[in-house]
Amino acid sequence: PTNYTHAENVGICYYTAQKFADAIDYFKKSIAVGSSTTGKSEYYLGMSYLSSGKKLEACNTLQLANAKKYPDAAATLKSNCQ
């Protein structure tokens, strides 16, 4: 429970399988651990929200990923959150 990468990897599996509600749950768990500095969980949480039609939540979460300098976060924000 203290290793965020396990929840993050499960989230990536669900995201890839297009099971976005499950992916959201696992990315939230990963972020809750609080030790990640990469922004990957925040980015994919934002992408899961976008894929679920939740634009406001997506843009807020993508801002967090961008603040952590996750690659593609800035471009995704620009194309989806303007």
PDB file of N, CA and C in Angstrom:
ATOM      1  N   PRO A   1       0.802  -1.227   0.000  1.00  0.00           N
ATOM      2  CA  PRO A   1       0.000   0.000   0.000  1.00  0.00           C
ATOM      3  C   PRO A   1       0.839   1.283   0.000  1.00  0.00           C
ATOM      4  N   THR A   2       2.131   1.183   0.303  1.00  0.00           N
ATOM      5  CA  THR A   2       2.963   2.384   0.306  1.00  0.00           C
ATOM      6  C   THR A   2       3.753   2.549  -0.987  1.00  0.00           C
ATOM      7  N   ASN A   3       3.590   1.643  -1.921  1.00  0.00           N
ATOM      8  CA  ASN A   3       4.289   1.728  -3.203  1.00  0.00           C
ATOM      9  C   ASN A   3       3.272   2.115  -4.277  1.00  0.00           C
ATOM     10  N   TYR A   4       3.339   3.356  -4.684  1.00  0.00           N
ATOM     11  CA  TYR A   4       2.355   3.877  -5.636  1.00  0.00           C
ATOM     12  C   TYR A   4       2.403   3.174  -6.986  1.00  0.00           C
ATOM     13  N   THR A   5       3.558   2.609  -7.359  1.00  0.00           N
ATOM     14  CA  THR A   5       3.689   2.038  -8.700  1.00  0.00           C
ATOM     15  C   THR A   5       2.764   0.847  -8.929  1.00  0.00           C
ATOM     16  N   HIS A   6       2.445   0.120  -7.892  1.00  0.00           N
ATOM     17  CA  HIS A   6       1.546  -1.021  -8.063  1.00  0.00           C
ATOM     18  C   HIS A   6       0.160  -0.549  -8.499  1.00  0.00           C
ATOM     19  N   ALA A   7      -0.387   0.418  -7.804  1.00  0.00           N
ATOM     20  CA  ALA A   7      -1.703   0.958  -8.168  1.00  0.00           C
ATOM     21  C   ALA A   7      -1.631   1.641  -9.534  1.00  0.00           C
ATOM     22  N   GLU A   8      -0.531   2.337  -9.794  1.00  0.00           N
ATOM     23  CA  GLU A   8      -0.366   3.014 -11.077  1.00  0.00           C
ATOM     24  C   GLU A   8      -0.371   2.000 -12.223  1.00  0.00           C
ATOM     25  N   ASN A   9       0.334   0.898 -12.062  1.00  0.00           N
ATOM     26  CA  ASN A   9       0.391  -0.118 -13.114  1.00  0.00           C
ATOM     27  C   ASN A   9      -0.963  -0.785 -13.344  1.00  0.00           C
ATOM     28  N   VAL A  10      -1.724  -1.026 -12.275  1.00  0.00           N
ATOM     29  CA  VAL A  10      -3.067  -1.576 -12.435  1.00  0.00           C
ATOM     30  C   VAL A  10      -3.931  -0.558 -13.192  1.00  0.00           C
ATOM     31  N   GLY A  11      -3.790   0.707 -12.843  1.00  0.00           N
ATOM     32  CA  GLY A  11      -4.530   1.764 -13.538  1.00  0.00           C
ATOM     33  C   GLY A  11      -4.211   1.807 -15.021  1.00  0.00           C
ATOM     34  N   ILE A  12      -2.935   1.654 -15.366  1.00  0.00           N
ATOM     35  CA  ILE A  12      -2.521   1.642 -16.776  1.00  0.00           C
ATOM     36  C   ILE A  12      -3.168   0.457 -17.503  1.00  0.00           C
ATOM     37  N   CYS A  13      -3.221  -0.693 -16.839  1.00  0.00           N
ATOM     38  CA  CYS A  13      -3.864  -1.867 -17.452  1.00  0.00           C
ATOM     39  C   CYS A  13      -5.337  -1.594 -17.736  1.00  0.00           C
ATOM     40  N   TYR A  14      -6.038  -1.029 -16.763  1.00  0.00           N
ATOM     41  CA  TYR A  14      -7.449  -0.708 -16.972  1.00  0.00           C
ATOM     42  C   TYR A  14      -7.620   0.369 -18.040  1.00  0.00           C
ATOM     43  N   TYR A  15      -6.738   1.360 -18.060  1.00  0.00           N
ATOM     44  CA  TYR A  15      -6.813   2.422 -19.068  1.00  0.00           C
ATOM     45  C   TYR A  15      -6.651   1.815 -20.463  1.00  0.00           C
ATOM     46  N   THR A  16      -5.671   0.946 -20.606  1.00  0.00           N
ATOM     47  CA  THR A  16      -5.413   0.301 -21.892  1.00  0.00           C
ATOM     48  C   THR A  16      -6.593  -0.552 -22.332  1.00  0.00           C
ATOM     49  N   ALA A  17      -7.271  -1.173 -21.371  1.00  0.00           N
ATOM     50  CA  ALA A  17      -8.452  -1.986 -21.662  1.00  0.00           C
ATOM     51  C   ALA A  17      -9.714  -1.137 -21.825  1.00  0.00           C
ATOM     52  N   GLN A  18      -9.570   0.177 -21.750  1.00  0.00           N
ATOM     53  CA  GLN A  18     -10.665   1.136 -21.870  1.00  0.00           C
ATOM     54  C   GLN A  18     -11.728   0.950 -20.788  1.00  0.00           C
ATOM     55  N   LYS A  19     -11.293   0.521 -19.617  1.00  0.00           N
ATOM     56  CA  LYS A  19     -12.165   0.434 -18.438  1.00  0.00           C
ATOM     57  C   LYS A  19     -11.839   1.633 -17.558  1.00  0.00           C
ATOM     58  N   PHE A  20     -12.325   2.785 -17.995  1.00  0.00           N
ATOM     59  CA  PHE A  20     -11.885   4.051 -17.427  1.00  0.00           C
ATOM     60  C   PHE A  20     -12.325   4.257 -15.983  1.00  0.00           C
ATOM     61  N   ALA A  21     -13.491   3.791 -15.602  1.00  0.00           N
ATOM     62  CA  ALA A  21     -13.934   3.947 -14.209  1.00  0.00           C
ATOM     63  C   ALA A  21     -12.994   3.195 -13.268  1.00  0.00           C
ATOM     64  N   ASP A  22     -12.591   1.996 -13.647  1.00  0.00           N
ATOM     65  CA  ASP A  22     -11.643   1.236 -12.832  1.00  0.00           C
ATOM     66  C   ASP A  22     -10.272   1.900 -12.830  1.00  0.00           C
ATOM     67  N   ALA A  23      -9.859   2.405 -13.988  1.00  0.00           N
ATOM     68  CA  ALA A  23      -8.571   3.095 -14.084  1.00  0.00           C
ATOM     69  C   ALA A  23      -8.551   4.305 -13.153  1.00  0.00           C
ATOM     70  N   ILE A  24      -9.629   5.064 -13.141  1.00  0.00           N
ATOM     71  CA  ILE A  24      -9.727   6.249 -12.276  1.00  0.00           C
ATOM     72  C   ILE A  24      -9.531   5.865 -10.823  1.00  0.00           C
ATOM     73  N   ASP A  25     -10.178   4.795 -10.394  1.00  0.00           N
ATOM     74  CA  ASP A  25     -10.029   4.345  -9.001  1.00  0.00           C
ATOM     75  C   ASP A  25      -8.572   4.049  -8.657  1.00  0.00           C
ATOM     76  N   TYR A  26      -7.869   3.362  -9.536  1.00  0.00           N
ATOM     77  CA  TYR A  26      -6.488   2.992  -9.245  1.00  0.00           C
ATOM     78  C   TYR A  26      -5.527   4.168  -9.353  1.00  0.00           C
ATOM     79  N   PHE A  27      -5.767   5.072 -10.282  1.00  0.00           N
ATOM     80  CA  PHE A  27      -4.906   6.252 -10.344  1.00  0.00           C
ATOM     81  C   PHE A  27      -5.088   7.124  -9.101  1.00  0.00           C
ATOM     82  N   LYS A  28      -6.302   7.201  -8.608  1.00  0.00           N
ATOM     83  CA  LYS A  28      -6.545   7.945  -7.364  1.00  0.00           C
ATOM     84  C   LYS A  28      -5.800   7.301  -6.202  1.00  0.00           C
ATOM     85  N   LYS A  29      -5.801   5.972  -6.147  1.00  0.00           N
ATOM     86  CA  LYS A  29      -5.052   5.271  -5.091  1.00  0.00           C
ATOM     87  C   LYS A  29      -3.567   5.553  -5.210  1.00  0.00           C
ATOM     88  N   SER A  30      -3.054   5.533  -6.410  1.00  0.00           N
ATOM     89  CA  SER A  30      -1.639   5.806  -6.636  1.00  0.00           C
ATOM     90  C   SER A  30      -1.273   7.212  -6.169  1.00  0.00           C
ATOM     91  N   ILE A  31      -2.090   8.171  -6.515  1.00  0.00           N
ATOM     92  CA  ILE A  31      -1.837   9.568  -6.150  1.00  0.00           C
ATOM     93  C   ILE A  31      -1.936   9.754  -4.634  1.00  0.00           C
ATOM     94  N   ALA A  32      -2.861   9.038  -4.015  1.00  0.00           N
ATOM     95  CA  ALA A  32      -3.072   9.169  -2.567  1.00  0.00           C
ATOM     96  C   ALA A  32      -1.836   8.764  -1.761  1.00  0.00           C
ATOM     97  N   VAL A  33      -1.021   7.872  -2.298  1.00  0.00           N
ATOM     98  CA  VAL A  33       0.203   7.475  -1.594  1.00  0.00           C
ATOM     99  C   VAL A  33       1.115   8.695  -1.417  1.00  0.00           C
ATOM    100  N   GLY A  34       1.128   9.568  -2.419  1.00  0.00           N
ATOM    101  CA  GLY A  34       1.822  10.844  -2.298  1.00  0.00           C
ATOM    102  C   GLY A  34       3.317  10.845  -2.534  1.00  0.00           C
ATOM    103  N   SER A  35       3.882   9.750  -3.004  1.00  0.00           N
ATOM    104  CA  SER A  35       5.333   9.738  -3.170  1.00  0.00           C
ATOM    105  C   SER A  35       5.801   9.887  -4.612  1.00  0.00           C
ATOM    106  N   SER A  36       4.886   9.896  -5.554  1.00  0.00           N
ATOM    107  CA  SER A  36       5.266  10.023  -6.953  1.00  0.00           C
ATOM    108  C   SER A  36       5.584  11.472  -7.309  1.00  0.00           C
ATOM    109  N   THR A  37       6.634  11.649  -8.059  1.00  0.00           N
ATOM    110  CA  THR A  37       6.992  12.989  -8.532  1.00  0.00           C
ATOM    111  C   THR A  37       6.948  13.085 -10.054  1.00  0.00           C
ATOM    112  N   THR A  38       6.532  11.991 -10.729  1.00  0.00           N
ATOM    113  CA  THR A  38       6.602  11.956 -12.187  1.00  0.00           C
ATOM    114  C   THR A  38       5.407  12.588 -12.885  1.00  0.00           C
ATOM    115  N   GLY A  39       4.256  12.589 -12.245  1.00  0.00           N
ATOM    116  CA  GLY A  39       3.042  13.098 -12.878  1.00  0.00           C
ATOM    117  C   GLY A  39       2.331  12.082 -13.753  1.00  0.00           C
ATOM    118  N   LYS A  40       2.848  10.844 -13.812  1.00  0.00           N
ATOM    119  CA  LYS A  40       2.252   9.819 -14.678  1.00  0.00           C
ATOM    120  C   LYS A  40       0.837   9.456 -14.242  1.00  0.00           C
ATOM    121  N   SER A  41       0.638   9.229 -12.961  1.00  0.00           N
ATOM    122  CA  SER A  41      -0.706   8.884 -12.485  1.00  0.00           C
ATOM    123  C   SER A  41      -1.675  10.032 -12.732  1.00  0.00           C
ATOM    124  N   GLU A  42      -1.222  11.256 -12.499  1.00  0.00           N
ATOM    125  CA  GLU A  42      -2.076  12.414 -12.730  1.00  0.00           C
ATOM    126  C   GLU A  42      -2.434  12.539 -14.216  1.00  0.00           C
ATOM    127  N   TYR A  43      -1.455  12.298 -15.070  1.00  0.00           N
ATOM    128  CA  TYR A  43      -1.699  12.391 -16.513  1.00  0.00           C
ATOM    129  C   TYR A  43      -2.736  11.356 -16.954  1.00  0.00           C
ATOM    130  N   TYR A  44      -2.518  10.120 -16.571  1.00  0.00           N
ATOM    131  CA  TYR A  44      -3.445   9.072 -17.004  1.00  0.00           C
ATOM    132  C   TYR A  44      -4.795   9.162 -16.292  1.00  0.00           C
ATOM    133  N   LEU A  45      -4.821   9.716 -15.107  1.00  0.00           N
ATOM    134  CA  LEU A  45      -6.108   9.996 -14.466  1.00  0.00           C
ATOM    135  C   LEU A  45      -6.856  11.031 -15.301  1.00  0.00           C
ATOM    136  N   GLY A  46      -6.154  12.063 -15.715  1.00  0.00           N
ATOM    137  CA  GLY A  46      -6.759  13.081 -16.575  1.00  0.00           C
ATOM    138  C   GLY A  46      -7.239  12.506 -17.894  1.00  0.00           C
ATOM    139  N   MET A  47      -6.448  11.637 -18.489  1.00  0.00           N
ATOM    140  CA  MET A  47      -6.851  11.013 -19.748  1.00  0.00           C
ATOM    141  C   MET A  47      -8.067  10.098 -19.547  1.00  0.00           C
ATOM    142  N   SER A  48      -8.121   9.421 -18.408  1.00  0.00           N
ATOM    143  CA  SER A  48      -9.273   8.571 -18.099  1.00  0.00           C
ATOM    144  C   SER A  48     -10.531   9.420 -17.934  1.00  0.00           C
ATOM    145  N   TYR A  49     -10.373  10.561 -17.256  1.00  0.00           N
ATOM    146  CA  TYR A  49     -11.511  11.480 -17.126  1.00  0.00           C
ATOM    147  C   TYR A  49     -11.958  11.983 -18.503  1.00  0.00           C
ATOM    148  N   LEU A  50     -10.991  12.367 -19.352  1.00  0.00           N
ATOM    149  CA  LEU A  50     -11.352  12.825 -20.699  1.00  0.00           C
ATOM    150  C   LEU A  50     -12.122  11.748 -21.446  1.00  0.00           C
ATOM    151  N   SER A  51     -11.646  10.527 -21.361  1.00  0.00           N
ATOM    152  CA  SER A  51     -12.292   9.414 -22.056  1.00  0.00           C
ATOM    153  C   SER A  51     -13.661   9.099 -21.486  1.00  0.00           C
ATOM    154  N   SER A  52     -13.915   9.539 -20.264  1.00  0.00           N
ATOM    155  CA  SER A  52     -15.210   9.326 -19.611  1.00  0.00           C
ATOM    156  C   SER A  52     -16.137  10.518 -19.781  1.00  0.00           C
ATOM    157  N   GLY A  53     -15.680  11.540 -20.501  1.00  0.00           N
ATOM    158  CA  GLY A  53     -16.502  12.722 -20.732  1.00  0.00           C
ATOM    159  C   GLY A  53     -16.525  13.702 -19.572  1.00  0.00           C
ATOM    160  N   LYS A  54     -15.557  13.604 -18.676  1.00  0.00           N
ATOM    161  CA  LYS A  54     -15.496  14.489 -17.506  1.00  0.00           C
ATOM    162  C   LYS A  54     -14.377  15.513 -17.712  1.00  0.00           C
ATOM    163  N   LYS A  55     -14.674  16.496 -18.534  1.00  0.00           N
ATOM    164  CA  LYS A  55     -13.655  17.450 -18.962  1.00  0.00           C
ATOM    165  C   LYS A  55     -13.105  18.306 -17.820  1.00  0.00           C
ATOM    166  N   LEU A  56     -13.948  18.787 -16.938  1.00  0.00           N
ATOM    167  CA  LEU A  56     -13.484  19.637 -15.854  1.00  0.00           C
ATOM    168  C   LEU A  56     -12.488  18.888 -14.964  1.00  0.00           C
ATOM    169  N   GLU A  57     -12.854  17.673 -14.570  1.00  0.00           N
ATOM    170  CA  GLU A  57     -11.957  16.864 -13.749  1.00  0.00           C
ATOM    171  C   GLU A  57     -10.670  16.558 -14.499  1.00  0.00           C
ATOM    172  N   ALA A  58     -10.801  16.279 -15.798  1.00  0.00           N
ATOM    173  CA  ALA A  58      -9.632  15.986 -16.627  1.00  0.00           C
ATOM    174  C   ALA A  58      -8.672  17.163 -16.652  1.00  0.00           C
ATOM    175  N   CYS A  59      -9.183  18.340 -16.904  1.00  0.00           N
ATOM    176  CA  CYS A  59      -8.320  19.517 -17.009  1.00  0.00           C
ATOM    177  C   CYS A  59      -7.651  19.841 -15.677  1.00  0.00           C
ATOM    178  N   ASN A  60      -8.378  19.703 -14.587  1.00  0.00           N
ATOM    179  CA  ASN A  60      -7.776  19.940 -13.271  1.00  0.00           C
ATOM    180  C   ASN A  60      -6.642  18.964 -12.996  1.00  0.00           C
ATOM    181  N   THR A  61      -6.850  17.706 -13.331  1.00  0.00           N
ATOM    182  CA  THR A  61      -5.836  16.687 -13.079  1.00  0.00           C
ATOM    183  C   THR A  61      -4.658  16.831 -14.033  1.00  0.00           C
ATOM    184  N   LEU A  62      -4.928  17.184 -15.266  1.00  0.00           N
ATOM    185  CA  LEU A  62      -3.842  17.401 -16.222  1.00  0.00           C
ATOM    186  C   LEU A  62      -2.968  18.580 -15.810  1.00  0.00           C
ATOM    187  N   GLN A  63      -3.554  19.571 -15.148  1.00  0.00           N
ATOM    188  CA  GLN A  63      -2.757  20.685 -14.608  1.00  0.00           C
ATOM    189  C   GLN A  63      -1.745  20.163 -13.594  1.00  0.00           C
ATOM    190  N   LEU A  64      -2.167  19.204 -12.768  1.00  0.00           N
ATOM    191  CA  LEU A  64      -1.246  18.610 -11.782  1.00  0.00           C
ATOM    192  C   LEU A  64      -0.117  17.861 -12.483  1.00  0.00           C
ATOM    193  N   ALA A  65      -0.454  17.120 -13.530  1.00  0.00           N
ATOM    194  CA  ALA A  65       0.572  16.400 -14.293  1.00  0.00           C
ATOM    195  C   ALA A  65       1.544  17.382 -14.934  1.00  0.00           C
ATOM    196  N   ASN A  66       1.016  18.469 -15.460  1.00  0.00           N
ATOM    197  CA  ASN A  66       1.866  19.478 -16.084  1.00  0.00           C
ATOM    198  C   ASN A  66       2.790  20.129 -15.060  1.00  0.00           C
ATOM    199  N   ALA A  67       2.289  20.361 -13.870  1.00  0.00           N
ATOM    200  CA  ALA A  67       3.112  20.953 -12.808  1.00  0.00           C
ATOM    201  C   ALA A  67       4.285  20.042 -12.433  1.00  0.00           C
ATOM    202  N   LYS A  68       4.092  18.743 -12.619  1.00  0.00           N
ATOM    203  CA  LYS A  68       5.168  17.777 -12.351  1.00  0.00           C
ATOM    204  C   LYS A  68       6.001  17.508 -13.598  1.00  0.00           C
ATOM    205  N   LYS A  69       5.754  18.287 -14.656  1.00  0.00           N
ATOM    206  CA  LYS A  69       6.509  18.214 -15.912  1.00  0.00           C
ATOM    207  C   LYS A  69       6.352  16.884 -16.640  1.00  0.00           C
ATOM    208  N   TYR A  70       5.160  16.267 -16.550  1.00  0.00           N
ATOM    209  CA  TYR A  70       4.958  15.012 -17.272  1.00  0.00           C
ATOM    210  C   TYR A  70       4.926  15.299 -18.773  1.00  0.00           C
ATOM    211  N   PRO A  71       5.690  14.513 -19.566  1.00  0.00           N
ATOM    212  CA  PRO A  71       5.679  14.719 -21.021  1.00  0.00           C
ATOM    213  C   PRO A  71       4.260  14.604 -21.582  1.00  0.00           C
ATOM    214  N   ASP A  72       3.934  15.426 -22.518  1.00  0.00           N
ATOM    215  CA  ASP A  72       2.635  15.467 -23.195  1.00  0.00           C
ATOM    216  C   ASP A  72       1.534  16.148 -22.394  1.00  0.00           C
ATOM    217  N   ALA A  73       1.750  16.433 -21.122  1.00  0.00           N
ATOM    218  CA  ALA A  73       0.697  17.078 -20.328  1.00  0.00           C
ATOM    219  C   ALA A  73       0.370  18.464 -20.879  1.00  0.00           C
ATOM    220  N   ALA A  74       1.388  19.235 -21.193  1.00  0.00           N
ATOM    221  CA  ALA A  74       1.148  20.592 -21.697  1.00  0.00           C
ATOM    222  C   ALA A  74       0.391  20.562 -23.021  1.00  0.00           C
ATOM    223  N   ALA A  75       0.784  19.675 -23.915  1.00  0.00           N
ATOM    224  CA  ALA A  75       0.117  19.582 -25.216  1.00  0.00           C
ATOM    225  C   ALA A  75      -1.321  19.099 -25.057  1.00  0.00           C
ATOM    226  N   THR A  76      -1.539  18.162 -24.160  1.00  0.00           N
ATOM    227  CA  THR A  76      -2.889  17.653 -23.924  1.00  0.00           C
ATOM    228  C   THR A  76      -3.770  18.742 -23.330  1.00  0.00           C
ATOM    229  N   LEU A  77      -3.217  19.514 -22.402  1.00  0.00           N
ATOM    230  CA  LEU A  77      -3.954  20.647 -21.841  1.00  0.00           C
ATOM    231  C   LEU A  77      -4.332  21.633 -22.930  1.00  0.00           C
ATOM    232  N   LYS A  78      -3.366  21.956 -23.774  1.00  0.00           N
ATOM    233  CA  LYS A  78      -3.582  22.951 -24.818  1.00  0.00           C
ATOM    234  C   LYS A  78      -4.679  22.507 -25.788  1.00  0.00           C
ATOM    235  N   SER A  79      -4.677  21.229 -26.128  1.00  0.00           N
ATOM    236  CA  SER A  79      -5.650  20.770 -27.116  1.00  0.00           C
ATOM    237  C   SER A  79      -7.023  20.425 -26.541  1.00  0.00           C
ATOM    238  N   ASN A  80      -7.121  20.256 -25.218  1.00  0.00           N
ATOM    239  CA  ASN A  80      -8.391  19.837 -24.636  1.00  0.00           C
ATOM    240  C   ASN A  80      -8.982  20.783 -23.602  1.00  0.00           C
ATOM    241  N   CYS A  81      -8.203  21.705 -23.110  1.00  0.00           N
ATOM    242  CA  CYS A  81      -8.650  22.504 -21.950  1.00  0.00           C
ATOM    243  C   CYS A  81      -8.595  24.007 -22.191  1.00  0.00           C
ATOM    244  N   GLN A  82      -8.697  24.442 -23.392  1.00  0.00           N
ATOM    245  CA  GLN A  82      -8.657  25.862 -23.679  1.00  0.00           C
ATOM    246  C   GLN A  82     -10.048  26.441 -23.719  1.00  0.00           C
TER     247      GLN A  82
END
